[in-house]
Every structure is written in structure tokens, then in C-alpha cells.
Amino acid sequence: MDKLLNFSLINIDKPAGPTSFSVSDFVRKSLNLKKTSHMGTLDPKVTGVLPITLGRACKLAGYFIKHDKDYAGILHTHKEQELNNLQKLIDKKFIGKIKQIPPNRSAVKREEREREVYHFVLKEQSEDKKHFLFECSVQGGTYIRKICSDLGELIGGAHMGELRRTRAGIFDESKLYKLEEFEDAVEKYKKGKEEELKEMLIPAEVAIKKVLKSFEVDKRAVKSLHNGKPLFRKDLIGSVEKIKDKESFALFCGKNFIGVYKKTSEKEIFGRAEFVFN
């Protein structure tokens, strides 16, 4: 169980109020780990899917964090709007590749960047025609609050109300745990009953296969790989045709996770290590 705790992920249902960092730190302290990291910051008021890497799995967070995200939320307009007209404006101005400058409170540098909005659909409107339930799917790093305020500049004012993240890459609401459920499972674990906590954890080697292509290596090469040597084509088992130069991939020997490598364009060296698990 200790090995699993130090190389796994857990999908927490972030409540409104605490920061993403404080939720991650709460998990760290509860499990007595040296390190945890959350994947994709949510504003304090935003709820929903917050995957957290545990222990050495933090080194893999970058392979999960860049993937697409889904949200459900409330758009408040300052004037009455017709749903169909508003949807047409959204489809015209905010679907596809858009330009965004991160808001003042963001943790990233405030410079214009391009992000893609796959869909942004108004589902319902209130009787006063000023409150709209929406669902959207966007590229990682897209600011939903900024879309709402930018839309407001075209219609006489609008802002985002409630927001919930319903998916972050491979993580969704199908296996999502409230902090209270996590706390209860940790208390049982400390008393020798590990089943509930174990059920909540996703082994990192299982998760990485869902976001990266994976290849099999001959066991005779494992020792040299653990010592930091590059991966040679002759060490691989099976087809490796469907991978591009500079693309990252996961490497396994049977069920054992070896690490993450990046494909090279070198003649004999197939990949160089980005992360070695030993």
C-alpha cells in the first residue's frame, strides 16, 4: 500500500472555498506524503474535478495537465437576452481557436495566447432572461471566466456565476471523491482497513497508459535503462511505427513501468528518458 500511495493519483471533488493548492496540501498532510500536486488550477469558488498526483507521480503531472477540459456553469447577463441570439453570437465569436489574455488574478504571465473552444452550448435560461446554464468543452488552459466577460463586452455586460469542472483529460465525475469521503477512508486506513482508500487511488502506471502510447521493452535492457542509458530500437518488442519524433511515450516490461521516454530522430537510439521509475 505504501508503494501505491507514493505513486498514484486521486480524483478529488473540489468544494467551493479553498484554493486548489490547499486541497492538494490537505491530501498531502492526510497521507503523510512528502509531495502532492494538483493538475489544473480551479478558482476558489469553482468546484469539481481536481486530479491530484501523489508522491513520485508528481513527476508525471505534466503529461495529464495539458488535456482538454469540460465545464458546466452559469452565465449572468446584465441585460435581457434571447437564448437563440446569444448562442449564435457565441458560435460566431467564441467557438474554434480564440485569443485570450489571462485575467489579472491568474498565476500565469498575462500575455495573449491562443486556445481552442470545441463547444459552448447554452442549455437553459431563467424567466428574466438574464441567467443561462451552459456546458462547454475547451482546450486545457482556457479561461471560462474570460470567455464570459469578453462576451459581455459585446452585449452590454456579462459575467460568470457558478462553474463546475466535469472533466479534466481522462478524469471525470465517474470516479470522484468528496473531501469528507477521502477523510473517512484515510481514518479507516490508519486503523488497518485500507480497502476504501485503495479503491480511490489510481496507480500512476495505469493512468499514464491512458494519455501516452506505450511500448514493451525486452527485460535484458531494463538494468541499463534504470541506470540512465538511452533506449535502443533493438531493445523494443513489437511494432513501433505509430510514433513521431519528439513524441513522449511510456515504456513497460510486462506489467512493470520503466519510465517515460521521448522519441528521437537518431539512427540507433529510439528514445531518451524524461522520467525513469526505479
Protein backbone atom coordinates (compact mmCIF):
# COMPACT_ATOMS: atom_id res chain seq x y z
CA MET A 1 0.00 0.00 0.00
CA ASP A 2 2.89 2.39 0.74
CA LYS A 3 4.19 1.93 -2.81
CA LEU A 4 0.74 2.70 -4.21
CA LEU A 5 0.38 5.80 -2.03
CA ASN A 6 3.70 7.15 -3.31
CA PHE A 7 2.96 6.57 -6.99
CA SER A 8 -0.70 7.14 -7.70
CA LEU A 9 -3.42 9.71 -8.36
CA ILE A 10 -6.72 10.56 -6.74
CA ASN A 11 -9.61 12.50 -8.25
CA ILE A 12 -10.96 14.93 -5.65
CA ASP A 13 -14.27 16.77 -5.92
CA LYS A 14 -13.04 20.25 -5.05
CA PRO A 15 -15.56 22.23 -2.97
CA ALA A 16 -16.14 25.95 -3.27
CA GLY A 17 -13.95 27.98 -0.93
CA PRO A 18 -10.44 26.52 -0.65
CA THR A 19 -7.75 27.00 -3.27
CA SER A 20 -6.60 24.09 -5.41
CA PHE A 21 -3.25 24.24 -3.62
CA SER A 22 -4.85 23.98 -0.17
CA VAL A 23 -6.87 20.92 -1.27
CA SER A 24 -3.70 19.29 -2.61
CA ASP A 25 -1.83 20.15 0.59
CA PHE A 26 -4.66 18.72 2.70
CA VAL A 27 -4.31 15.42 0.82
CA ARG A 28 -0.52 15.51 1.33
CA LYS A 29 -0.76 16.05 5.06
CA SER A 30 -3.54 13.49 5.49
CA LEU A 31 -1.43 10.79 3.82
CA ASN A 32 1.86 11.97 5.37
CA LEU A 33 3.48 12.33 1.94
CA LYS A 34 6.44 14.49 1.01
CA LYS A 35 4.73 15.89 -2.06
CA THR A 36 1.43 16.16 -3.92
CA SER A 37 0.43 18.33 -6.86
CA HIS A 38 -2.91 19.23 -8.41
CA MET A 39 -3.47 19.18 -12.15
CA GLY A 40 -5.18 22.33 -13.40
CA THR A 41 -5.88 25.19 -11.01
CA LEU A 42 -9.51 25.93 -10.18
CA ASP A 43 -10.51 29.32 -8.73
CA PRO A 44 -11.55 29.08 -5.06
CA LYS A 45 -15.24 29.46 -5.96
CA VAL A 46 -15.09 26.80 -8.72
CA THR A 47 -15.94 23.18 -7.87
CA GLY A 48 -15.45 19.79 -9.44
CA VAL A 49 -12.80 17.52 -10.89
CA LEU A 50 -9.36 18.15 -9.35
CA PRO A 51 -6.96 15.27 -10.03
CA ILE A 52 -4.05 15.13 -7.56
CA THR A 53 -0.79 13.27 -8.06
CA LEU A 54 0.80 11.62 -5.05
CA GLY A 55 4.49 11.19 -4.27
CA ARG A 56 6.69 10.34 -7.25
CA ALA A 57 3.66 10.54 -9.55
CA CYS A 58 4.04 14.33 -9.31
CA LYS A 59 6.81 13.97 -11.90
CA LEU A 60 4.16 12.77 -14.36
CA ALA A 61 1.65 15.59 -13.77
CA GLY A 62 2.69 17.41 -16.94
CA TYR A 63 1.52 14.53 -19.12
CA PHE A 64 -2.00 14.79 -17.70
CA ILE A 65 -2.49 18.51 -17.14
CA LYS A 66 -2.46 19.67 -20.79
CA HIS A 67 -5.52 17.72 -21.88
CA ASP A 68 -8.99 19.06 -22.70
CA LYS A 69 -11.46 20.12 -20.02
CA ASP A 70 -15.28 20.14 -19.72
CA TYR A 71 -17.30 22.57 -17.59
CA ALA A 72 -20.87 23.37 -16.62
CA GLY A 73 -21.73 26.81 -15.32
CA ILE A 74 -23.98 29.85 -15.14
CA LEU A 75 -23.63 32.92 -17.36
CA HIS A 76 -25.17 36.11 -15.95
CA THR A 77 -26.00 38.85 -18.45
CA HIS A 78 -26.62 42.42 -17.33
CA LYS A 79 -29.47 42.87 -19.80
CA GLU A 80 -32.20 40.57 -21.09
CA GLN A 81 -31.01 38.28 -23.87
CA GLU A 82 -32.72 35.83 -26.19
CA LEU A 83 -31.09 32.41 -25.87
CA ASN A 84 -31.02 31.69 -29.62
CA ASN A 85 -29.49 35.07 -30.47
CA LEU A 86 -26.92 34.75 -27.73
CA GLN A 87 -26.00 31.25 -28.90
CA LYS A 88 -25.47 32.49 -32.45
CA LEU A 89 -23.11 35.18 -31.17
CA ILE A 90 -21.18 32.63 -29.13
CA ASP A 91 -20.92 30.30 -32.13
CA LYS A 92 -19.60 33.15 -34.26
CA LYS A 93 -17.12 34.72 -31.85
CA PHE A 94 -16.10 32.10 -29.31
CA ILE A 95 -16.02 28.69 -31.00
CA GLY A 96 -12.81 27.34 -32.52
CA LYS A 97 -9.44 28.98 -31.95
CA ILE A 98 -9.71 32.17 -29.91
CA LYS A 99 -7.26 34.68 -28.44
CA GLN A 100 -7.20 35.22 -24.68
CA ILE A 101 -5.24 37.33 -22.21
CA PRO A 102 -5.31 35.62 -18.79
CA PRO A 103 -7.20 37.58 -16.10
CA ASN A 104 -5.34 39.68 -13.52
CA ARG A 105 -5.67 37.06 -10.79
CA SER A 106 -4.23 34.22 -12.86
CA ALA A 107 -0.96 32.54 -11.91
CA VAL A 108 0.46 32.69 -15.45
CA LYS A 109 2.03 35.52 -17.38
CA ARG A 110 -0.53 37.97 -18.77
CA GLU A 111 0.17 37.77 -22.48
CA GLU A 112 -2.12 36.92 -25.38
CA ARG A 113 -2.32 33.25 -26.23
CA GLU A 114 -4.39 31.04 -28.47
CA ARG A 115 -6.76 28.40 -27.12
CA GLU A 116 -9.48 26.30 -28.72
CA VAL A 117 -13.13 26.11 -27.69
CA TYR A 118 -14.73 22.93 -29.01
CA HIS A 119 -18.26 23.75 -27.99
CA PHE A 120 -20.07 26.21 -25.73
CA VAL A 121 -23.79 25.47 -25.53
CA LEU A 122 -26.49 27.40 -23.67
CA LYS A 123 -28.80 24.74 -22.22
CA GLU A 124 -31.45 26.75 -20.35
CA GLN A 125 -32.38 30.32 -19.47
CA SER A 126 -34.15 31.85 -16.49
CA GLU A 127 -37.52 33.56 -16.72
CA ASP A 128 -35.92 37.00 -16.54
CA LYS A 129 -33.65 36.04 -19.49
CA LYS A 130 -30.51 37.09 -17.62
CA HIS A 131 -29.23 33.75 -16.33
CA PHE A 132 -28.08 30.95 -18.65
CA LEU A 133 -26.96 27.42 -17.85
CA PHE A 134 -24.12 26.41 -20.18
CA GLU A 135 -21.87 23.45 -20.92
CA CYS A 136 -18.55 23.73 -22.69
CA SER A 137 -15.52 21.74 -23.77
CA VAL A 138 -12.21 23.56 -24.19
CA GLN A 139 -8.50 23.12 -24.63
CA GLY A 140 -6.54 22.98 -21.38
CA GLY A 141 -5.56 26.45 -20.19
CA THR A 142 -8.72 28.17 -21.46
CA TYR A 143 -10.28 30.68 -19.04
CA ILE A 144 -14.07 30.26 -18.94
CA ARG A 145 -14.48 33.38 -16.81
CA LYS A 146 -12.68 35.37 -19.54
CA ILE A 147 -14.97 34.00 -22.26
CA CYS A 148 -17.97 35.19 -20.23
CA SER A 149 -16.55 38.67 -19.66
CA ASP A 150 -15.41 39.01 -23.29
CA LEU A 151 -18.91 38.05 -24.38
CA GLY A 152 -20.24 40.70 -22.01
CA GLU A 153 -18.30 43.39 -23.85
CA LEU A 154 -20.40 42.60 -26.94
CA ILE A 155 -23.81 42.55 -25.26
CA GLY A 156 -23.72 45.27 -22.62
CA GLY A 157 -22.19 43.28 -19.80
CA ALA A 158 -21.96 39.66 -18.60
CA HIS A 159 -20.03 37.63 -16.08
CA MET A 160 -19.60 34.04 -14.98
CA GLY A 161 -21.51 32.89 -11.93
CA GLU A 162 -21.12 29.32 -10.72
CA LEU A 163 -18.70 26.99 -12.51
CA ARG A 164 -18.01 23.30 -12.14
CA ARG A 165 -15.34 21.29 -13.93
CA THR A 166 -16.82 17.96 -15.00
CA ARG A 167 -13.81 16.54 -16.83
CA ALA A 168 -10.06 17.10 -16.95
CA GLY A 169 -8.47 14.86 -19.56
CA ILE A 170 -9.02 11.22 -18.51
CA PHE A 171 -10.57 12.25 -15.17
CA ASP A 172 -14.30 12.83 -14.90
CA GLU A 173 -17.14 12.60 -12.40
CA SER A 174 -17.49 8.83 -12.67
CA LYS A 175 -14.78 8.28 -10.04
CA LEU A 176 -14.76 11.44 -7.96
CA TYR A 177 -14.42 11.75 -4.19
CA LYS A 178 -15.51 14.47 -1.80
CA LEU A 179 -13.04 15.56 0.85
CA GLU A 180 -15.28 14.07 3.53
CA GLU A 181 -15.18 10.68 1.80
CA PHE A 182 -11.41 10.91 1.48
CA GLU A 183 -11.01 11.85 5.15
CA ASP A 184 -13.16 8.90 6.21
CA ALA A 185 -11.16 6.49 4.04
CA VAL A 186 -7.87 7.81 5.50
CA GLU A 187 -9.13 7.31 9.07
CA LYS A 188 -10.06 3.71 8.26
CA TYR A 189 -6.67 3.19 6.60
CA LYS A 190 -4.89 4.36 9.75
CA LYS A 191 -6.87 1.75 11.68
CA GLY A 192 -5.74 -1.01 9.32
CA LYS A 193 -8.68 -1.00 6.91
CA GLU A 194 -7.17 0.06 3.59
CA GLU A 195 -9.84 -1.14 1.14
CA GLU A 196 -11.74 2.17 0.73
CA LEU A 197 -8.63 4.29 0.27
CA LYS A 198 -7.11 1.76 -2.11
CA GLU A 199 -10.26 1.90 -4.23
CA MET A 200 -9.90 5.69 -4.54
CA LEU A 201 -6.31 5.56 -5.81
CA ILE A 202 -5.39 5.20 -9.48
CA PRO A 203 -1.93 3.63 -9.95
CA ALA A 204 0.23 6.04 -11.96
CA GLU A 205 1.33 3.28 -14.33
CA VAL A 206 -2.31 2.60 -15.17
CA ALA A 207 -3.14 6.28 -15.69
CA ILE A 208 -0.11 7.02 -17.88
CA LYS A 209 -1.19 4.38 -20.41
CA LYS A 210 -4.37 6.37 -20.97
CA VAL A 211 -2.55 9.55 -22.05
CA LEU A 212 0.59 8.22 -23.75
CA LYS A 213 1.34 5.49 -26.24
CA SER A 214 3.10 2.59 -24.56
CA PHE A 215 5.75 0.16 -25.77
CA GLU A 216 7.25 -3.07 -24.46
CA VAL A 217 10.97 -3.47 -23.79
CA ASP A 218 12.98 -6.68 -23.55
CA LYS A 219 13.82 -7.47 -19.92
CA ARG A 220 17.54 -7.75 -20.74
CA ALA A 221 17.60 -3.97 -21.30
CA VAL A 222 15.88 -2.99 -18.04
CA LYS A 223 19.02 -2.74 -15.90
CA SER A 224 20.76 -0.37 -18.31
CA LEU A 225 17.61 1.77 -18.58
CA HIS A 226 17.41 2.02 -14.79
CA ASN A 227 21.00 3.25 -14.88
CA GLY A 228 20.04 6.10 -17.20
CA LYS A 229 21.10 4.62 -20.54
CA PRO A 230 19.08 5.57 -23.67
CA LEU A 231 16.59 3.21 -25.25
CA PHE A 232 17.75 1.42 -28.41
CA ARG A 233 15.40 0.19 -31.12
CA LYS A 234 16.76 -3.37 -30.77
CA ASP A 235 15.56 -3.40 -27.14
CA LEU A 236 11.91 -2.96 -28.09
CA ILE A 237 9.41 -5.74 -28.66
CA GLY A 238 6.75 -5.42 -31.36
CA SER A 239 5.74 -2.63 -33.73
CA VAL A 240 6.76 0.96 -33.03
CA GLU A 241 5.73 2.59 -36.27
CA LYS A 242 2.95 4.82 -34.97
CA ILE A 243 5.02 7.40 -33.13
CA LYS A 244 6.55 10.69 -34.22
CA ASP A 245 9.93 12.20 -33.42
CA LYS A 246 9.90 14.15 -30.13
CA GLU A 247 6.70 12.42 -29.03
CA SER A 248 6.67 11.12 -25.46
CA PHE A 249 5.73 7.51 -24.72
CA ALA A 250 5.51 5.14 -21.75
CA LEU A 251 7.80 2.13 -21.53
CA PHE A 252 6.93 -1.16 -19.83
CA CYS A 253 8.49 -4.55 -19.25
CA GLY A 254 5.50 -6.80 -18.77
CA LYS A 255 3.44 -5.16 -16.02
CA ASN A 256 6.42 -3.20 -14.71
CA PHE A 257 6.54 0.50 -15.57
CA ILE A 258 10.03 1.55 -16.64
CA GLY A 259 9.52 5.23 -17.40
CA VAL A 260 8.60 7.93 -19.89
CA TYR A 261 10.82 8.47 -22.93
CA LYS A 262 10.90 10.88 -25.85
CA LYS A 263 11.29 9.55 -29.40
CA THR A 264 14.49 10.70 -31.08
CA SER A 265 15.44 11.07 -34.74
CA GLU A 266 18.76 9.34 -34.09
CA LYS A 267 19.58 6.26 -36.13
CA GLU A 268 20.11 3.69 -33.37
CA ILE A 269 18.78 5.42 -30.26
CA PHE A 270 14.99 5.19 -30.24
CA GLY A 271 14.26 7.25 -27.14
CA ARG A 272 15.83 9.20 -24.30
CA ALA A 273 14.49 9.23 -20.77
CA GLU A 274 12.29 12.01 -19.41
CA PHE A 275 11.39 10.05 -16.27
CA VAL A 276 12.77 6.72 -15.03
CA PHE A 277 10.89 4.80 -12.35
CA ASN A 278 13.22 2.79 -10.14
